[in-house]
Amino acid sequence: MDQPGIEIRPINQLTGTSEFSEVFFDAAECDGDCIVGEPGDGWRVAMGLLGFERGVSTLGQQMLFQNEFDEIVQIAKANGSAEDPAIRQRIADAHIGLKIMRYNSMRTLSSDVGDGSLEKAAMIYKLYWSSWHRNLGNLAMDVLGPEAEIIERAPYELTHLQSLFLFTRSDTIYGGTNQIQRNIIAERALGLPREPRPPPNTKD
């Protein structure tokens, strides 16, 4: 990545971090033994990468979600917000959502036939977890109450849950927006017609 012809421009986020970057390959070259796959197979390789991204790594992701959820529950018990019936209901909903994610992931893995194809149940995962995680960030702020708006002292770094809230705004965008995910479910899982494409530009 540090060879000539590659330019990396970090994208600063609301959290003050830069997990994402714009990467420009301007006249970049590599040795033949560094090519993944064969020349012309870039799309196939990219799709293979996405298959790993949305595969068994989801179980590790759920462990992170569980830790975040446990932290929120602990704070809710400590500051008394768990006594609020509305908060208790949202905590229960978050707990149920975690269980649904795990059961769906285990169902997907147990039905793997080894040919790289995805079961229809797997196609809901990105849409489901990104919406769930965004809602967990909202819940964290409501459990914290006014404290969620305060950064105590210099260097004014965000707390873990404040970062969680801000970062989860992007969950429904990266890796395929929620709108794109719904299209995938409709077309590939439900077999609905593809979304109409605009006609090509034609000259009068």
N, C-alpha and C. Protein backbone atom coordinates (compact mmCIF):
# COMPACT_ATOMS: atom_id res chain seq x y z
N MET A 1 0.81 -1.22 0.00
CA MET A 1 0.00 0.00 0.00
C MET A 1 0.84 1.26 0.00
N ASP A 2 2.13 1.14 0.33
CA ASP A 2 2.97 2.33 0.38
C ASP A 2 3.84 2.47 -0.88
N GLN A 3 3.52 1.73 -1.94
CA GLN A 3 4.32 1.81 -3.16
C GLN A 3 3.89 3.02 -3.97
N PRO A 4 4.71 3.45 -4.90
CA PRO A 4 4.33 4.57 -5.77
C PRO A 4 3.05 4.28 -6.54
N GLY A 5 2.25 5.31 -6.75
CA GLY A 5 1.04 5.16 -7.52
C GLY A 5 -0.20 4.90 -6.69
N ILE A 6 -0.06 4.78 -5.36
CA ILE A 6 -1.21 4.56 -4.49
C ILE A 6 -1.33 5.75 -3.53
N GLU A 7 -2.48 6.38 -3.52
CA GLU A 7 -2.74 7.52 -2.64
C GLU A 7 -3.88 7.17 -1.69
N ILE A 8 -3.66 7.37 -0.40
CA ILE A 8 -4.66 7.04 0.62
C ILE A 8 -5.09 8.33 1.32
N ARG A 9 -6.37 8.59 1.32
CA ARG A 9 -6.92 9.78 1.97
C ARG A 9 -7.89 9.35 3.06
N PRO A 10 -7.47 9.39 4.34
CA PRO A 10 -8.37 8.98 5.43
C PRO A 10 -9.62 9.85 5.48
N ILE A 11 -10.75 9.24 5.81
CA ILE A 11 -12.02 9.94 5.95
C ILE A 11 -12.31 10.12 7.43
N ASN A 12 -12.29 11.36 7.90
CA ASN A 12 -12.56 11.61 9.31
C ASN A 12 -14.04 11.46 9.61
N GLN A 13 -14.36 10.73 10.67
CA GLN A 13 -15.73 10.44 11.04
C GLN A 13 -16.17 11.28 12.24
N LEU A 14 -17.47 11.14 12.58
CA LEU A 14 -18.01 11.87 13.73
C LEU A 14 -17.28 11.52 15.01
N THR A 15 -16.76 10.29 15.09
CA THR A 15 -16.08 9.84 16.30
C THR A 15 -14.66 10.39 16.42
N GLY A 16 -14.18 11.07 15.38
CA GLY A 16 -12.81 11.57 15.39
C GLY A 16 -11.81 10.55 14.89
N THR A 17 -12.27 9.36 14.50
CA THR A 17 -11.39 8.31 14.00
C THR A 17 -11.52 8.22 12.48
N SER A 18 -10.67 7.37 11.89
CA SER A 18 -10.65 7.23 10.43
C SER A 18 -10.55 5.76 10.05
N GLU A 19 -11.62 5.01 10.27
CA GLU A 19 -11.62 3.60 9.89
C GLU A 19 -11.68 3.41 8.38
N PHE A 20 -12.12 4.45 7.65
CA PHE A 20 -12.31 4.34 6.21
C PHE A 20 -11.40 5.34 5.50
N SER A 21 -11.03 4.98 4.30
CA SER A 21 -10.20 5.87 3.49
C SER A 21 -10.64 5.80 2.03
N GLU A 22 -10.38 6.88 1.32
CA GLU A 22 -10.42 6.84 -0.14
C GLU A 22 -9.05 6.34 -0.60
N VAL A 23 -9.03 5.39 -1.50
CA VAL A 23 -7.77 4.86 -2.00
C VAL A 23 -7.77 5.00 -3.52
N PHE A 24 -6.74 5.66 -4.03
CA PHE A 24 -6.62 5.90 -5.47
C PHE A 24 -5.42 5.13 -6.01
N PHE A 25 -5.66 4.33 -7.05
CA PHE A 25 -4.60 3.57 -7.70
C PHE A 25 -4.28 4.24 -9.03
N ASP A 26 -3.37 5.17 -9.00
CA ASP A 26 -3.00 5.93 -10.19
C ASP A 26 -1.67 5.39 -10.73
N ALA A 27 -1.79 4.63 -11.80
CA ALA A 27 -0.60 4.04 -12.43
C ALA A 27 0.17 3.13 -11.48
N ALA A 28 -0.55 2.54 -10.51
CA ALA A 28 0.10 1.60 -9.59
C ALA A 28 0.38 0.28 -10.30
N GLU A 29 1.51 -0.31 -10.02
CA GLU A 29 1.89 -1.58 -10.63
C GLU A 29 2.35 -2.54 -9.54
N CYS A 30 2.25 -3.84 -9.83
CA CYS A 30 2.76 -4.82 -8.88
C CYS A 30 3.40 -5.96 -9.66
N ASP A 31 4.23 -6.74 -8.98
CA ASP A 31 4.87 -7.89 -9.61
C ASP A 31 3.82 -8.95 -9.91
N GLY A 32 4.09 -9.77 -10.90
CA GLY A 32 3.15 -10.80 -11.30
C GLY A 32 2.80 -11.77 -10.18
N ASP A 33 3.78 -12.06 -9.30
CA ASP A 33 3.50 -13.02 -8.23
C ASP A 33 2.67 -12.41 -7.09
N CYS A 34 2.33 -11.12 -7.20
CA CYS A 34 1.49 -10.48 -6.19
C CYS A 34 0.03 -10.41 -6.62
N ILE A 35 -0.27 -10.86 -7.84
CA ILE A 35 -1.64 -10.82 -8.33
C ILE A 35 -2.45 -11.91 -7.66
N VAL A 36 -3.63 -11.55 -7.16
CA VAL A 36 -4.56 -12.52 -6.58
C VAL A 36 -5.48 -12.98 -7.70
N GLY A 37 -5.50 -14.28 -7.98
CA GLY A 37 -6.30 -14.78 -9.09
C GLY A 37 -5.59 -14.53 -10.41
N GLU A 38 -6.37 -14.40 -11.45
CA GLU A 38 -5.82 -14.18 -12.79
C GLU A 38 -6.21 -12.78 -13.27
N PRO A 39 -5.42 -12.19 -14.19
CA PRO A 39 -5.81 -10.90 -14.76
C PRO A 39 -7.23 -10.98 -15.33
N GLY A 40 -8.04 -9.99 -15.00
CA GLY A 40 -9.43 -9.98 -15.44
C GLY A 40 -10.40 -10.60 -14.45
N ASP A 41 -9.86 -11.19 -13.37
CA ASP A 41 -10.71 -11.84 -12.37
C ASP A 41 -10.98 -10.94 -11.16
N GLY A 42 -10.76 -9.64 -11.30
CA GLY A 42 -10.91 -8.75 -10.14
C GLY A 42 -12.28 -8.81 -9.49
N TRP A 43 -13.32 -8.86 -10.32
CA TRP A 43 -14.69 -8.88 -9.76
C TRP A 43 -14.93 -10.17 -8.98
N ARG A 44 -14.47 -11.30 -9.51
CA ARG A 44 -14.64 -12.58 -8.82
C ARG A 44 -13.91 -12.58 -7.49
N VAL A 45 -12.71 -12.03 -7.47
CA VAL A 45 -11.94 -11.97 -6.23
C VAL A 45 -12.63 -11.06 -5.22
N ALA A 46 -13.15 -9.92 -5.70
CA ALA A 46 -13.85 -8.98 -4.80
C ALA A 46 -15.08 -9.64 -4.19
N MET A 47 -15.83 -10.41 -4.98
CA MET A 47 -17.01 -11.09 -4.46
C MET A 47 -16.62 -12.18 -3.46
N GLY A 48 -15.49 -12.83 -3.69
CA GLY A 48 -15.00 -13.81 -2.72
C GLY A 48 -14.66 -13.16 -1.40
N LEU A 49 -14.06 -11.96 -1.46
CA LEU A 49 -13.75 -11.22 -0.24
C LEU A 49 -15.02 -10.90 0.53
N LEU A 50 -16.06 -10.45 -0.18
CA LEU A 50 -17.32 -10.13 0.49
C LEU A 50 -17.93 -11.37 1.11
N GLY A 51 -17.73 -12.52 0.50
CA GLY A 51 -18.25 -13.75 1.07
C GLY A 51 -17.64 -14.03 2.44
N PHE A 52 -16.34 -13.76 2.61
CA PHE A 52 -15.70 -13.93 3.91
C PHE A 52 -16.16 -12.84 4.87
N GLU A 53 -16.31 -11.63 4.37
CA GLU A 53 -16.71 -10.51 5.22
C GLU A 53 -18.06 -10.78 5.88
N ARG A 54 -18.97 -11.42 5.15
CA ARG A 54 -20.32 -11.65 5.67
C ARG A 54 -20.51 -13.10 6.08
N GLY A 55 -19.43 -13.80 6.33
CA GLY A 55 -19.52 -15.20 6.70
C GLY A 55 -19.42 -15.42 8.20
N VAL A 56 -18.53 -16.34 8.61
CA VAL A 56 -18.47 -16.73 10.02
C VAL A 56 -17.95 -15.61 10.93
N SER A 57 -17.39 -14.54 10.35
CA SER A 57 -16.96 -13.42 11.20
C SER A 57 -18.13 -12.83 11.98
N THR A 58 -19.35 -13.11 11.52
CA THR A 58 -20.52 -12.57 12.20
C THR A 58 -20.63 -13.07 13.64
N LEU A 59 -20.14 -14.27 13.92
CA LEU A 59 -20.22 -14.79 15.28
C LEU A 59 -19.32 -13.98 16.22
N GLY A 60 -18.14 -13.61 15.75
CA GLY A 60 -17.27 -12.75 16.55
C GLY A 60 -17.89 -11.38 16.75
N GLN A 61 -18.55 -10.88 15.72
CA GLN A 61 -19.23 -9.59 15.81
C GLN A 61 -20.31 -9.65 16.90
N GLN A 62 -21.02 -10.75 16.97
CA GLN A 62 -22.08 -10.88 17.97
C GLN A 62 -21.52 -10.89 19.39
N MET A 63 -20.32 -11.39 19.57
CA MET A 63 -19.69 -11.35 20.90
C MET A 63 -19.43 -9.90 21.31
N LEU A 64 -18.98 -9.08 20.35
CA LEU A 64 -18.80 -7.65 20.62
C LEU A 64 -20.13 -7.01 20.99
N PHE A 65 -21.18 -7.32 20.22
CA PHE A 65 -22.50 -6.77 20.51
C PHE A 65 -22.96 -7.17 21.92
N GLN A 66 -22.69 -8.42 22.30
CA GLN A 66 -23.09 -8.89 23.64
C GLN A 66 -22.38 -8.10 24.72
N ASN A 67 -21.09 -7.82 24.53
CA ASN A 67 -20.34 -7.04 25.51
C ASN A 67 -20.90 -5.63 25.64
N GLU A 68 -21.24 -5.02 24.50
CA GLU A 68 -21.83 -3.68 24.53
C GLU A 68 -23.18 -3.70 25.23
N PHE A 69 -23.98 -4.69 24.93
CA PHE A 69 -25.30 -4.82 25.56
C PHE A 69 -25.15 -5.00 27.07
N ASP A 70 -24.22 -5.86 27.50
CA ASP A 70 -24.01 -6.10 28.93
C ASP A 70 -23.60 -4.82 29.65
N GLU A 71 -22.77 -4.01 29.00
CA GLU A 71 -22.34 -2.74 29.60
C GLU A 71 -23.53 -1.80 29.79
N ILE A 72 -24.40 -1.75 28.80
CA ILE A 72 -25.58 -0.88 28.88
C ILE A 72 -26.50 -1.35 30.00
N VAL A 73 -26.71 -2.66 30.11
CA VAL A 73 -27.57 -3.20 31.18
C VAL A 73 -26.99 -2.88 32.54
N GLN A 74 -25.68 -3.02 32.69
CA GLN A 74 -25.02 -2.73 33.97
C GLN A 74 -25.22 -1.27 34.37
N ILE A 75 -25.08 -0.36 33.40
CA ILE A 75 -25.28 1.06 33.69
C ILE A 75 -26.74 1.35 34.04
N ALA A 76 -27.66 0.70 33.31
CA ALA A 76 -29.08 0.91 33.57
C ALA A 76 -29.45 0.50 34.98
N LYS A 77 -28.87 -0.59 35.45
CA LYS A 77 -29.13 -1.04 36.83
C LYS A 77 -28.51 -0.09 37.84
N ALA A 78 -27.31 0.43 37.51
CA ALA A 78 -26.58 1.27 38.46
C ALA A 78 -27.22 2.66 38.60
N ASN A 79 -27.69 3.25 37.50
CA ASN A 79 -28.21 4.62 37.58
C ASN A 79 -29.73 4.69 37.71
N GLY A 80 -30.37 3.53 37.78
CA GLY A 80 -31.81 3.51 38.02
C GLY A 80 -32.68 3.59 36.78
N SER A 81 -32.08 3.77 35.60
CA SER A 81 -32.90 3.88 34.40
C SER A 81 -33.59 2.56 34.06
N ALA A 82 -33.10 1.45 34.61
CA ALA A 82 -33.75 0.16 34.40
C ALA A 82 -35.14 0.10 35.03
N GLU A 83 -35.44 1.04 35.94
CA GLU A 83 -36.77 1.08 36.55
C GLU A 83 -37.81 1.69 35.63
N ASP A 84 -37.36 2.34 34.56
CA ASP A 84 -38.28 2.95 33.60
C ASP A 84 -38.84 1.83 32.71
N PRO A 85 -40.17 1.65 32.70
CA PRO A 85 -40.76 0.55 31.91
C PRO A 85 -40.39 0.61 30.43
N ALA A 86 -40.32 1.82 29.86
CA ALA A 86 -39.98 1.94 28.44
C ALA A 86 -38.54 1.49 28.18
N ILE A 87 -37.63 1.86 29.08
CA ILE A 87 -36.24 1.43 28.94
C ILE A 87 -36.14 -0.08 29.11
N ARG A 88 -36.85 -0.62 30.07
CA ARG A 88 -36.83 -2.07 30.30
C ARG A 88 -37.31 -2.82 29.05
N GLN A 89 -38.35 -2.29 28.40
CA GLN A 89 -38.86 -2.93 27.20
C GLN A 89 -37.82 -2.90 26.08
N ARG A 90 -37.14 -1.78 25.93
CA ARG A 90 -36.13 -1.67 24.88
C ARG A 90 -34.93 -2.58 25.17
N ILE A 91 -34.57 -2.72 26.45
CA ILE A 91 -33.49 -3.66 26.82
C ILE A 91 -33.91 -5.09 26.47
N ALA A 92 -35.17 -5.42 26.77
CA ALA A 92 -35.66 -6.77 26.44
C ALA A 92 -35.65 -6.99 24.93
N ASP A 93 -36.06 -5.98 24.16
CA ASP A 93 -36.05 -6.09 22.70
C ASP A 93 -34.64 -6.30 22.17
N ALA A 94 -33.67 -5.58 22.75
CA ALA A 94 -32.27 -5.73 22.33
C ALA A 94 -31.76 -7.13 22.63
N HIS A 95 -32.13 -7.66 23.79
CA HIS A 95 -31.73 -9.02 24.17
C HIS A 95 -32.31 -10.04 23.19
N ILE A 96 -33.59 -9.88 22.87
CA ILE A 96 -34.24 -10.79 21.92
C ILE A 96 -33.55 -10.70 20.55
N GLY A 97 -33.22 -9.47 20.12
CA GLY A 97 -32.55 -9.30 18.83
C GLY A 97 -31.22 -10.02 18.77
N LEU A 98 -30.46 -9.99 19.87
CA LEU A 98 -29.19 -10.70 19.92
C LEU A 98 -29.39 -12.20 19.73
N LYS A 99 -30.41 -12.74 20.39
CA LYS A 99 -30.67 -14.17 20.28
C LYS A 99 -31.08 -14.53 18.86
N ILE A 100 -31.92 -13.69 18.24
CA ILE A 100 -32.34 -13.95 16.86
C ILE A 100 -31.13 -13.97 15.93
N MET A 101 -30.21 -13.01 16.12
CA MET A 101 -29.01 -12.97 15.28
C MET A 101 -28.20 -14.26 15.41
N ARG A 102 -28.03 -14.71 16.64
CA ARG A 102 -27.22 -15.92 16.86
C ARG A 102 -27.89 -17.14 16.24
N TYR A 103 -29.17 -17.29 16.48
CA TYR A 103 -29.86 -18.46 15.94
C TYR A 103 -29.85 -18.46 14.42
N ASN A 104 -30.02 -17.29 13.82
CA ASN A 104 -29.99 -17.22 12.36
C ASN A 104 -28.60 -17.54 11.81
N SER A 105 -27.56 -17.07 12.52
CA SER A 105 -26.20 -17.37 12.08
C SER A 105 -25.91 -18.86 12.18
N MET A 106 -26.32 -19.48 13.28
CA MET A 106 -26.08 -20.91 13.44
C MET A 106 -26.87 -21.71 12.40
N ARG A 107 -28.10 -21.26 12.09
CA ARG A 107 -28.88 -21.92 11.06
C ARG A 107 -28.18 -21.82 9.71
N THR A 108 -27.62 -20.64 9.42
CA THR A 108 -26.94 -20.43 8.15
C THR A 108 -25.71 -21.33 8.04
N LEU A 109 -24.91 -21.38 9.12
CA LEU A 109 -23.70 -22.19 9.10
C LEU A 109 -24.02 -23.69 9.01
N SER A 110 -25.05 -24.13 9.70
CA SER A 110 -25.38 -25.55 9.71
C SER A 110 -25.94 -26.03 8.37
N SER A 111 -26.42 -25.09 7.55
CA SER A 111 -26.98 -25.47 6.26
C SER A 111 -26.00 -25.26 5.11
N ASP A 112 -24.74 -24.94 5.43
CA ASP A 112 -23.73 -24.70 4.40
C ASP A 112 -23.43 -26.00 3.66
N VAL A 113 -23.56 -25.97 2.34
CA VAL A 113 -23.31 -27.17 1.54
C VAL A 113 -21.90 -27.16 0.94
N GLY A 114 -21.13 -26.10 1.24
CA GLY A 114 -19.73 -26.08 0.84
C GLY A 114 -19.44 -25.57 -0.55
N ASP A 115 -20.44 -25.07 -1.26
CA ASP A 115 -20.19 -24.58 -2.62
C ASP A 115 -20.13 -23.06 -2.69
N GLY A 116 -20.13 -22.40 -1.54
CA GLY A 116 -20.04 -20.94 -1.51
C GLY A 116 -21.36 -20.23 -1.67
N SER A 117 -22.44 -20.97 -1.89
CA SER A 117 -23.75 -20.34 -2.05
C SER A 117 -24.32 -19.95 -0.69
N LEU A 118 -25.22 -18.98 -0.70
CA LEU A 118 -25.84 -18.49 0.53
C LEU A 118 -27.27 -18.98 0.63
N GLU A 119 -27.63 -19.45 1.82
CA GLU A 119 -29.03 -19.73 2.10
C GLU A 119 -29.80 -18.42 2.14
N LYS A 120 -31.08 -18.49 1.84
CA LYS A 120 -31.89 -17.28 1.86
C LYS A 120 -31.88 -16.62 3.23
N ALA A 121 -31.80 -17.43 4.28
CA ALA A 121 -31.79 -16.88 5.64
C ALA A 121 -30.58 -15.99 5.89
N ALA A 122 -29.49 -16.23 5.14
CA ALA A 122 -28.27 -15.43 5.33
C ALA A 122 -28.41 -14.04 4.77
N MET A 123 -29.33 -13.84 3.85
CA MET A 123 -29.42 -12.56 3.15
C MET A 123 -30.03 -11.45 3.99
N ILE A 124 -30.64 -11.80 5.11
CA ILE A 124 -31.24 -10.76 5.96
C ILE A 124 -30.24 -10.21 6.96
N TYR A 125 -29.07 -10.86 7.08
CA TYR A 125 -28.23 -10.58 8.25
C TYR A 125 -27.73 -9.14 8.31
N LYS A 126 -27.19 -8.61 7.22
CA LYS A 126 -26.63 -7.26 7.25
C LYS A 126 -27.71 -6.23 7.58
N LEU A 127 -28.86 -6.36 6.96
CA LEU A 127 -29.97 -5.44 7.25
C LEU A 127 -30.39 -5.54 8.71
N TYR A 128 -30.43 -6.76 9.23
CA TYR A 128 -30.91 -6.97 10.59
C TYR A 128 -29.93 -6.41 11.62
N TRP A 129 -28.64 -6.81 11.50
CA TRP A 129 -27.71 -6.41 12.55
C TRP A 129 -27.42 -4.91 12.52
N SER A 130 -27.37 -4.31 11.34
CA SER A 130 -27.05 -2.88 11.27
C SER A 130 -28.17 -2.04 11.90
N SER A 131 -29.42 -2.43 11.65
CA SER A 131 -30.53 -1.71 12.26
C SER A 131 -30.56 -1.95 13.77
N TRP A 132 -30.30 -3.20 14.17
CA TRP A 132 -30.26 -3.52 15.61
C TRP A 132 -29.17 -2.72 16.32
N HIS A 133 -27.99 -2.66 15.72
CA HIS A 133 -26.85 -1.99 16.36
C HIS A 133 -27.09 -0.48 16.46
N ARG A 134 -27.67 0.11 15.41
CA ARG A 134 -28.03 1.53 15.47
C ARG A 134 -28.99 1.79 16.62
N ASN A 135 -29.98 0.92 16.78
CA ASN A 135 -30.94 1.08 17.89
C ASN A 135 -30.27 0.89 19.24
N LEU A 136 -29.25 0.02 19.30
CA LEU A 136 -28.52 -0.16 20.56
C LEU A 136 -27.79 1.12 20.93
N GLY A 137 -27.22 1.82 19.94
CA GLY A 137 -26.57 3.10 20.21
C GLY A 137 -27.55 4.12 20.76
N ASN A 138 -28.77 4.14 20.21
CA ASN A 138 -29.80 5.04 20.73
C ASN A 138 -30.15 4.68 22.17
N LEU A 139 -30.28 3.38 22.43
CA LEU A 139 -30.60 2.92 23.78
C LEU A 139 -29.50 3.32 24.77
N ALA A 140 -28.25 3.19 24.36
CA ALA A 140 -27.14 3.56 25.25
C ALA A 140 -27.25 5.01 25.68
N MET A 141 -27.56 5.91 24.76
CA MET A 141 -27.66 7.32 25.09
C MET A 141 -28.83 7.58 26.04
N ASP A 142 -29.94 6.90 25.83
CA ASP A 142 -31.11 7.11 26.69
C ASP A 142 -30.89 6.53 28.08
N VAL A 143 -30.13 5.43 28.17
CA VAL A 143 -29.80 4.87 29.48
C VAL A 143 -28.86 5.81 30.24
N LEU A 144 -27.90 6.40 29.54
CA LEU A 144 -26.97 7.33 30.19
C LEU A 144 -27.67 8.61 30.63
N GLY A 145 -28.70 9.03 29.91
CA GLY A 145 -29.40 10.26 30.24
C GLY A 145 -28.54 11.48 29.93
N PRO A 146 -28.63 12.52 30.76
CA PRO A 146 -27.87 13.75 30.50
C PRO A 146 -26.36 13.51 30.39
N GLU A 147 -25.86 12.48 31.05
CA GLU A 147 -24.43 12.18 31.00
C GLU A 147 -23.96 11.90 29.57
N ALA A 148 -24.88 11.46 28.72
CA ALA A 148 -24.51 11.16 27.34
C ALA A 148 -24.07 12.40 26.59
N GLU A 149 -24.48 13.58 27.05
CA GLU A 149 -24.15 14.84 26.36
C GLU A 149 -22.87 15.49 26.88
N ILE A 150 -22.22 14.85 27.84
CA ILE A 150 -21.10 15.49 28.54
C ILE A 150 -19.79 14.73 28.28
N ILE A 151 -18.75 15.49 28.00
CA ILE A 151 -17.39 14.96 27.97
C ILE A 151 -16.65 15.65 29.11
N GLU A 152 -16.15 14.90 30.05
CA GLU A 152 -15.75 15.45 31.35
C GLU A 152 -14.60 16.45 31.28
N ARG A 153 -13.50 16.10 30.63
CA ARG A 153 -12.31 16.94 30.73
C ARG A 153 -11.43 16.75 29.49
N ALA A 154 -10.46 17.68 29.35
CA ALA A 154 -9.51 17.56 28.24
C ALA A 154 -8.77 16.22 28.37
N PRO A 155 -8.44 15.57 27.28
CA PRO A 155 -8.54 16.02 25.88
C PRO A 155 -9.91 15.78 25.24
N TYR A 156 -10.96 15.68 26.07
CA TYR A 156 -12.34 15.59 25.58
C TYR A 156 -12.54 14.42 24.62
N GLU A 157 -12.09 13.27 25.06
CA GLU A 157 -12.29 12.07 24.26
C GLU A 157 -13.65 11.46 24.56
N LEU A 158 -14.27 10.91 23.54
CA LEU A 158 -15.57 10.28 23.70
C LEU A 158 -15.45 9.01 24.55
N THR A 159 -16.48 8.73 25.34
CA THR A 159 -16.52 7.46 26.04
C THR A 159 -16.85 6.35 25.06
N HIS A 160 -16.73 5.13 25.53
CA HIS A 160 -17.01 3.99 24.65
C HIS A 160 -18.44 4.05 24.12
N LEU A 161 -19.41 4.34 24.97
CA LEU A 161 -20.80 4.34 24.53
C LEU A 161 -21.13 5.56 23.66
N GLN A 162 -20.49 6.67 23.90
CA GLN A 162 -20.68 7.82 23.02
C GLN A 162 -20.15 7.50 21.61
N SER A 163 -18.99 6.85 21.55
CA SER A 163 -18.45 6.43 20.25
C SER A 163 -19.37 5.41 19.59
N LEU A 164 -19.92 4.51 20.41
CA LEU A 164 -20.85 3.52 19.88
C LEU A 164 -22.03 4.20 19.19
N PHE A 165 -22.62 5.18 19.86
CA PHE A 165 -23.77 5.88 19.30
C PHE A 165 -23.43 6.55 17.98
N LEU A 166 -22.31 7.27 17.94
CA LEU A 166 -21.95 7.99 16.73
C LEU A 166 -21.57 7.04 15.60
N PHE A 167 -20.81 6.00 15.93
CA PHE A 167 -20.33 5.10 14.88
C PHE A 167 -21.47 4.29 14.27
N THR A 168 -22.47 3.93 15.08
CA THR A 168 -23.54 3.10 14.54
C THR A 168 -24.42 3.85 13.55
N ARG A 169 -24.24 5.17 13.45
CA ARG A 169 -24.94 5.90 12.37
C ARG A 169 -24.52 5.36 11.01
N SER A 170 -23.28 4.87 10.93
CA SER A 170 -22.76 4.42 9.64
C SER A 170 -23.07 2.96 9.35
N ASP A 171 -23.52 2.21 10.35
CA ASP A 171 -23.75 0.78 10.16
C ASP A 171 -24.74 0.48 9.04
N THR A 172 -25.74 1.34 8.91
CA THR A 172 -26.77 1.10 7.89
C THR A 172 -26.36 1.64 6.51
N ILE A 173 -25.11 2.09 6.40
CA ILE A 173 -24.63 2.64 5.13
C ILE A 173 -23.51 1.79 4.55
N TYR A 174 -22.45 1.54 5.34
CA TYR A 174 -21.30 0.83 4.77
C TYR A 174 -21.63 -0.65 4.54
N GLY A 175 -20.89 -1.25 3.63
CA GLY A 175 -21.12 -2.66 3.32
C GLY A 175 -22.41 -2.91 2.57
N GLY A 176 -23.00 -1.87 2.03
CA GLY A 176 -24.29 -1.98 1.36
C GLY A 176 -25.37 -1.34 2.20
N THR A 177 -25.94 -0.25 1.74
CA THR A 177 -26.95 0.47 2.52
C THR A 177 -28.17 -0.42 2.78
N ASN A 178 -28.97 -0.01 3.76
CA ASN A 178 -30.19 -0.77 4.04
C ASN A 178 -31.08 -0.88 2.81
N GLN A 179 -31.11 0.18 1.99
CA GLN A 179 -31.92 0.14 0.78
C GLN A 179 -31.41 -0.92 -0.19
N ILE A 180 -30.08 -0.98 -0.35
CA ILE A 180 -29.48 -2.00 -1.21
C ILE A 180 -29.74 -3.39 -0.66
N GLN A 181 -29.65 -3.55 0.66
CA GLN A 181 -29.89 -4.85 1.27
C GLN A 181 -31.32 -5.32 1.02
N ARG A 182 -32.26 -4.41 1.07
CA ARG A 182 -33.66 -4.78 0.79
C ARG A 182 -33.82 -5.22 -0.67
N ASN A 183 -33.11 -4.57 -1.58
CA ASN A 183 -33.15 -4.99 -2.98
C ASN A 183 -32.59 -6.41 -3.14
N ILE A 184 -31.49 -6.70 -2.44
CA ILE A 184 -30.88 -8.03 -2.51
C ILE A 184 -31.85 -9.09 -2.00
N ILE A 185 -32.50 -8.80 -0.88
CA ILE A 185 -33.47 -9.75 -0.33
C ILE A 185 -34.62 -9.97 -1.30
N ALA A 186 -35.11 -8.88 -1.87
CA ALA A 186 -36.25 -8.97 -2.79
C ALA A 186 -35.90 -9.78 -4.03
N GLU A 187 -34.74 -9.50 -4.63
CA GLU A 187 -34.39 -10.12 -5.90
C GLU A 187 -33.82 -11.52 -5.74
N ARG A 188 -32.91 -11.70 -4.78
CA ARG A 188 -32.19 -12.98 -4.69
C ARG A 188 -32.86 -13.98 -3.76
N ALA A 189 -33.53 -13.50 -2.73
CA ALA A 189 -34.18 -14.42 -1.79
C ALA A 189 -35.64 -14.66 -2.15
N LEU A 190 -36.36 -13.60 -2.50
CA LEU A 190 -37.79 -13.72 -2.77
C LEU A 190 -38.10 -13.91 -4.24
N GLY A 191 -37.10 -13.68 -5.11
CA GLY A 191 -37.32 -13.88 -6.53
C GLY A 191 -38.18 -12.84 -7.19
N LEU A 192 -38.25 -11.65 -6.61
CA LEU A 192 -39.04 -10.57 -7.20
C LEU A 192 -38.31 -9.98 -8.40
N PRO A 193 -39.02 -9.30 -9.30
CA PRO A 193 -38.36 -8.69 -10.47
C PRO A 193 -37.33 -7.67 -10.04
N ARG A 194 -36.30 -7.53 -10.84
CA ARG A 194 -35.27 -6.55 -10.57
C ARG A 194 -35.86 -5.14 -10.62
N GLU A 195 -35.26 -4.25 -9.86
CA GLU A 195 -35.71 -2.86 -9.86
C GLU A 195 -35.56 -2.29 -11.27
N PRO A 196 -36.57 -1.58 -11.77
CA PRO A 196 -36.48 -1.02 -13.14
C PRO A 196 -35.26 -0.13 -13.30
N ARG A 197 -34.59 -0.28 -14.42
CA ARG A 197 -33.43 0.55 -14.75
C ARG A 197 -33.87 1.66 -15.69
N PRO A 198 -33.29 2.84 -15.57
CA PRO A 198 -33.64 3.91 -16.52
C PRO A 198 -33.17 3.54 -17.91
N PRO A 199 -33.87 3.98 -18.93
CA PRO A 199 -33.44 3.68 -20.30
C PRO A 199 -32.12 4.36 -20.61
N PRO A 200 -31.30 3.77 -21.48
CA PRO A 200 -30.02 4.40 -21.83
C PRO A 200 -30.26 5.73 -22.53
N ASN A 201 -29.29 6.61 -22.37
CA ASN A 201 -29.40 7.92 -23.04
C ASN A 201 -29.36 7.72 -24.56
N THR A 202 -30.26 8.35 -25.24
CA THR A 202 -30.30 8.26 -26.70
C THR A 202 -30.30 9.67 -27.29
N LYS A 203 -29.69 9.79 -28.42
CA LYS A 203 -29.65 11.07 -29.09
C LYS A 203 -30.89 11.23 -29.96
N ASP A 204 -31.45 12.43 -30.01
CA ASP A 204 -32.63 12.70 -30.84
C ASP A 204 -32.25 12.55 -32.31
